Amino acid sequence: MGIQIRLFAALRRAKIPADDAEAVVTELEGHIAMKISEANAPLIERINALESKLTSEASSIRWTVSIALIVGSLVVAISNALN
């Protein structure tokens, strides 16, 4: 049984009207969701920063590999031309 159902049942056993008990459960769910979002915000920022850095690094690696392939091709072409 989920926490919302147990809370609702406990409120009903305490003679809280169903509408009020449901409102309390809904409000608590919203509060918990907000706190989770607040707690995750720094982690999301770090993930976004890492994603940006990885994208930049991947771009640098692509350029490096491209240049290495071009230089390698030129070396082979010059070597073949000299022989």
N, C-alpha and C. Protein backbone atom coordinates (compact mmCIF):
# COMPACT_ATOMS: atom_id res chain seq x y z
N MET A 1 0.86 -1.18 0.00
CA MET A 1 0.00 0.00 0.00
C MET A 1 0.90 1.23 0.00
N GLY A 2 0.60 2.19 -0.88
CA GLY A 2 1.41 3.39 -0.99
C GLY A 2 1.23 4.32 0.20
N ILE A 3 2.22 5.19 0.37
CA ILE A 3 2.18 6.12 1.51
C ILE A 3 0.96 7.03 1.45
N GLN A 4 0.54 7.42 0.22
CA GLN A 4 -0.62 8.29 0.10
C GLN A 4 -1.87 7.59 0.62
N ILE A 5 -2.01 6.33 0.27
CA ILE A 5 -3.19 5.57 0.70
C ILE A 5 -3.16 5.37 2.21
N ARG A 6 -1.98 5.06 2.77
CA ARG A 6 -1.88 4.88 4.22
C ARG A 6 -2.17 6.18 4.95
N LEU A 7 -1.65 7.30 4.42
CA LEU A 7 -1.93 8.59 5.05
C LEU A 7 -3.41 8.90 4.99
N PHE A 8 -4.01 8.69 3.84
CA PHE A 8 -5.44 8.94 3.68
C PHE A 8 -6.24 8.08 4.66
N ALA A 9 -5.88 6.80 4.75
CA ALA A 9 -6.59 5.90 5.66
C ALA A 9 -6.42 6.34 7.11
N ALA A 10 -5.21 6.76 7.47
CA ALA A 10 -4.97 7.22 8.85
C ALA A 10 -5.78 8.47 9.15
N LEU A 11 -5.85 9.37 8.21
CA LEU A 11 -6.64 10.59 8.41
C LEU A 11 -8.13 10.25 8.54
N ARG A 12 -8.57 9.30 7.76
CA ARG A 12 -9.99 8.89 7.84
C ARG A 12 -10.28 8.23 9.18
N ARG A 13 -9.33 7.40 9.68
CA ARG A 13 -9.51 6.78 10.99
C ARG A 13 -9.55 7.83 12.10
N ALA A 14 -8.86 8.95 11.86
CA ALA A 14 -8.87 10.06 12.83
C ALA A 14 -10.10 10.93 12.67
N LYS A 15 -11.05 10.46 11.89
CA LYS A 15 -12.34 11.13 11.68
C LYS A 15 -12.21 12.43 10.88
N ILE A 16 -11.18 12.52 10.03
CA ILE A 16 -11.04 13.66 9.11
C ILE A 16 -11.94 13.36 7.92
N PRO A 17 -12.78 14.33 7.50
CA PRO A 17 -13.64 14.09 6.34
C PRO A 17 -12.81 13.73 5.10
N ALA A 18 -13.40 12.91 4.23
CA ALA A 18 -12.69 12.40 3.05
C ALA A 18 -12.14 13.53 2.18
N ASP A 19 -12.92 14.58 1.97
CA ASP A 19 -12.44 15.70 1.14
C ASP A 19 -11.22 16.37 1.76
N ASP A 20 -11.26 16.57 3.08
CA ASP A 20 -10.12 17.19 3.76
C ASP A 20 -8.90 16.27 3.75
N ALA A 21 -9.13 14.98 3.97
CA ALA A 21 -8.02 14.01 3.96
C ALA A 21 -7.38 13.97 2.58
N GLU A 22 -8.20 13.97 1.55
CA GLU A 22 -7.67 13.97 0.18
C GLU A 22 -6.88 15.24 -0.10
N ALA A 23 -7.38 16.38 0.40
CA ALA A 23 -6.67 17.65 0.20
C ALA A 23 -5.31 17.63 0.89
N VAL A 24 -5.26 17.05 2.09
CA VAL A 24 -3.99 16.96 2.82
C VAL A 24 -3.00 16.09 2.05
N VAL A 25 -3.46 14.95 1.58
CA VAL A 25 -2.60 14.03 0.83
C VAL A 25 -2.10 14.71 -0.45
N THR A 26 -2.98 15.39 -1.15
CA THR A 26 -2.60 16.08 -2.39
C THR A 26 -1.58 17.18 -2.10
N GLU A 27 -1.81 17.95 -1.05
CA GLU A 27 -0.89 19.02 -0.68
C GLU A 27 0.48 18.45 -0.30
N LEU A 28 0.48 17.37 0.45
CA LEU A 28 1.74 16.74 0.85
C LEU A 28 2.49 16.20 -0.37
N GLU A 29 1.77 15.59 -1.30
CA GLU A 29 2.41 15.10 -2.53
C GLU A 29 3.08 16.25 -3.28
N GLY A 30 2.36 17.38 -3.39
CA GLY A 30 2.93 18.54 -4.07
C GLY A 30 4.16 19.07 -3.36
N HIS A 31 4.10 19.10 -2.03
CA HIS A 31 5.24 19.59 -1.24
C HIS A 31 6.45 18.67 -1.42
N ILE A 32 6.22 17.37 -1.38
CA ILE A 32 7.31 16.41 -1.56
C ILE A 32 7.91 16.55 -2.96
N ALA A 33 7.06 16.67 -3.97
CA ALA A 33 7.55 16.83 -5.35
C ALA A 33 8.40 18.09 -5.47
N MET A 34 7.96 19.19 -4.83
CA MET A 34 8.71 20.44 -4.88
C MET A 34 10.08 20.27 -4.21
N LYS A 35 10.10 19.62 -3.05
CA LYS A 35 11.36 19.41 -2.33
C LYS A 35 12.32 18.52 -3.13
N ILE A 36 11.77 17.52 -3.80
CA ILE A 36 12.61 16.66 -4.63
C ILE A 36 13.20 17.47 -5.78
N SER A 37 12.38 18.31 -6.41
CA SER A 37 12.87 19.16 -7.50
C SER A 37 13.96 20.10 -7.01
N GLU A 38 13.74 20.70 -5.84
CA GLU A 38 14.75 21.61 -5.27
C GLU A 38 16.04 20.86 -4.97
N ALA A 39 15.93 19.66 -4.43
CA ALA A 39 17.12 18.88 -4.10
C ALA A 39 17.87 18.44 -5.35
N ASN A 40 17.14 18.18 -6.42
CA ASN A 40 17.76 17.72 -7.67
C ASN A 40 18.32 18.86 -8.51
N ALA A 41 17.92 20.09 -8.25
CA ALA A 41 18.35 21.22 -9.09
C ALA A 41 19.87 21.32 -9.22
N PRO A 42 20.65 21.24 -8.12
CA PRO A 42 22.10 21.31 -8.28
C PRO A 42 22.65 20.15 -9.11
N LEU A 43 22.06 18.98 -8.95
CA LEU A 43 22.52 17.82 -9.73
C LEU A 43 22.22 18.01 -11.21
N ILE A 44 21.06 18.56 -11.52
CA ILE A 44 20.70 18.81 -12.91
C ILE A 44 21.65 19.84 -13.51
N GLU A 45 21.99 20.88 -12.73
CA GLU A 45 22.95 21.88 -13.21
C GLU A 45 24.30 21.23 -13.51
N ARG A 46 24.76 20.35 -12.62
CA ARG A 46 26.04 19.68 -12.84
C ARG A 46 25.99 18.77 -14.06
N ILE A 47 24.88 18.07 -14.23
CA ILE A 47 24.73 17.20 -15.40
C ILE A 47 24.77 18.03 -16.68
N ASN A 48 24.06 19.16 -16.69
CA ASN A 48 24.05 20.02 -17.87
C ASN A 48 25.45 20.57 -18.16
N ALA A 49 26.18 20.95 -17.10
CA ALA A 49 27.54 21.45 -17.30
C ALA A 49 28.45 20.35 -17.85
N LEU A 50 28.31 19.14 -17.33
CA LEU A 50 29.11 18.02 -17.84
C LEU A 50 28.76 17.70 -19.28
N GLU A 51 27.48 17.77 -19.61
CA GLU A 51 27.06 17.50 -20.98
C GLU A 51 27.68 18.53 -21.93
N SER A 52 27.67 19.79 -21.51
CA SER A 52 28.27 20.84 -22.33
C SER A 52 29.77 20.61 -22.51
N LYS A 53 30.44 20.26 -21.41
CA LYS A 53 31.88 20.01 -21.47
C LYS A 53 32.19 18.81 -22.36
N LEU A 54 31.39 17.75 -22.24
CA LEU A 54 31.61 16.56 -23.07
C LEU A 54 31.39 16.87 -24.55
N THR A 55 30.39 17.68 -24.85
CA THR A 55 30.15 18.08 -26.23
C THR A 55 31.34 18.84 -26.78
N SER A 56 31.87 19.74 -25.97
CA SER A 56 33.04 20.52 -26.38
C SER A 56 34.26 19.61 -26.58
N GLU A 57 34.47 18.70 -25.65
CA GLU A 57 35.61 17.77 -25.76
C GLU A 57 35.47 16.87 -26.98
N ALA A 58 34.27 16.40 -27.24
CA ALA A 58 34.04 15.54 -28.40
C ALA A 58 34.34 16.29 -29.69
N SER A 59 33.97 17.56 -29.72
CA SER A 59 34.25 18.38 -30.90
C SER A 59 35.76 18.53 -31.08
N SER A 60 36.48 18.77 -29.99
CA SER A 60 37.94 18.88 -30.06
C SER A 60 38.57 17.58 -30.54
N ILE A 61 38.07 16.47 -30.05
CA ILE A 61 38.61 15.17 -30.46
C ILE A 61 38.35 14.93 -31.94
N ARG A 62 37.15 15.30 -32.43
CA ARG A 62 36.86 15.14 -33.86
C ARG A 62 37.84 15.94 -34.70
N TRP A 63 38.11 17.18 -34.29
CA TRP A 63 39.06 18.01 -35.04
C TRP A 63 40.46 17.39 -35.01
N THR A 64 40.88 16.91 -33.86
CA THR A 64 42.20 16.30 -33.73
C THR A 64 42.33 15.07 -34.62
N VAL A 65 41.33 14.22 -34.60
CA VAL A 65 41.35 13.02 -35.43
C VAL A 65 41.35 13.39 -36.91
N SER A 66 40.54 14.37 -37.28
CA SER A 66 40.49 14.81 -38.68
C SER A 66 41.85 15.33 -39.14
N ILE A 67 42.48 16.14 -38.32
CA ILE A 67 43.80 16.68 -38.68
C ILE A 67 44.82 15.55 -38.76
N ALA A 68 44.77 14.60 -37.82
CA ALA A 68 45.70 13.47 -37.86
C ALA A 68 45.51 12.65 -39.13
N LEU A 69 44.27 12.44 -39.54
CA LEU A 69 44.01 11.70 -40.78
C LEU A 69 44.53 12.46 -42.00
N ILE A 70 44.33 13.77 -42.01
CA ILE A 70 44.82 14.58 -43.13
C ILE A 70 46.34 14.53 -43.20
N VAL A 71 46.99 14.72 -42.05
CA VAL A 71 48.45 14.68 -42.01
C VAL A 71 48.95 13.30 -42.43
N GLY A 72 48.31 12.25 -41.94
CA GLY A 72 48.70 10.89 -42.32
C GLY A 72 48.55 10.67 -43.81
N SER A 73 47.45 11.16 -44.38
CA SER A 73 47.24 11.02 -45.83
C SER A 73 48.29 11.78 -46.61
N LEU A 74 48.64 12.98 -46.14
CA LEU A 74 49.68 13.77 -46.82
C LEU A 74 51.03 13.06 -46.75
N VAL A 75 51.35 12.48 -45.60
CA VAL A 75 52.62 11.77 -45.46
C VAL A 75 52.67 10.59 -46.42
N VAL A 76 51.59 9.85 -46.53
CA VAL A 76 51.54 8.71 -47.45
C VAL A 76 51.66 9.20 -48.88
N ALA A 77 50.95 10.27 -49.23
CA ALA A 77 50.99 10.79 -50.60
C ALA A 77 52.39 11.29 -50.95
N ILE A 78 53.02 12.01 -50.04
CA ILE A 78 54.38 12.53 -50.29
C ILE A 78 55.36 11.36 -50.39
N SER A 79 55.22 10.39 -49.51
CA SER A 79 56.10 9.22 -49.53
C SER A 79 55.97 8.46 -50.85
N ASN A 80 54.76 8.29 -51.32
CA ASN A 80 54.54 7.62 -52.61
C ASN A 80 55.09 8.45 -53.77
N ALA A 81 54.97 9.76 -53.67
CA ALA A 81 55.45 10.63 -54.75
C ALA A 81 56.97 10.61 -54.81
N LEU A 82 57.64 10.47 -53.69
CA LEU A 82 59.10 10.47 -53.66
C LEU A 82 59.68 9.13 -54.11
N ASN A 83 58.92 8.10 -54.06
CA ASN A 83 59.43 6.77 -54.46
C ASN A 83 59.16 6.55 -55.87
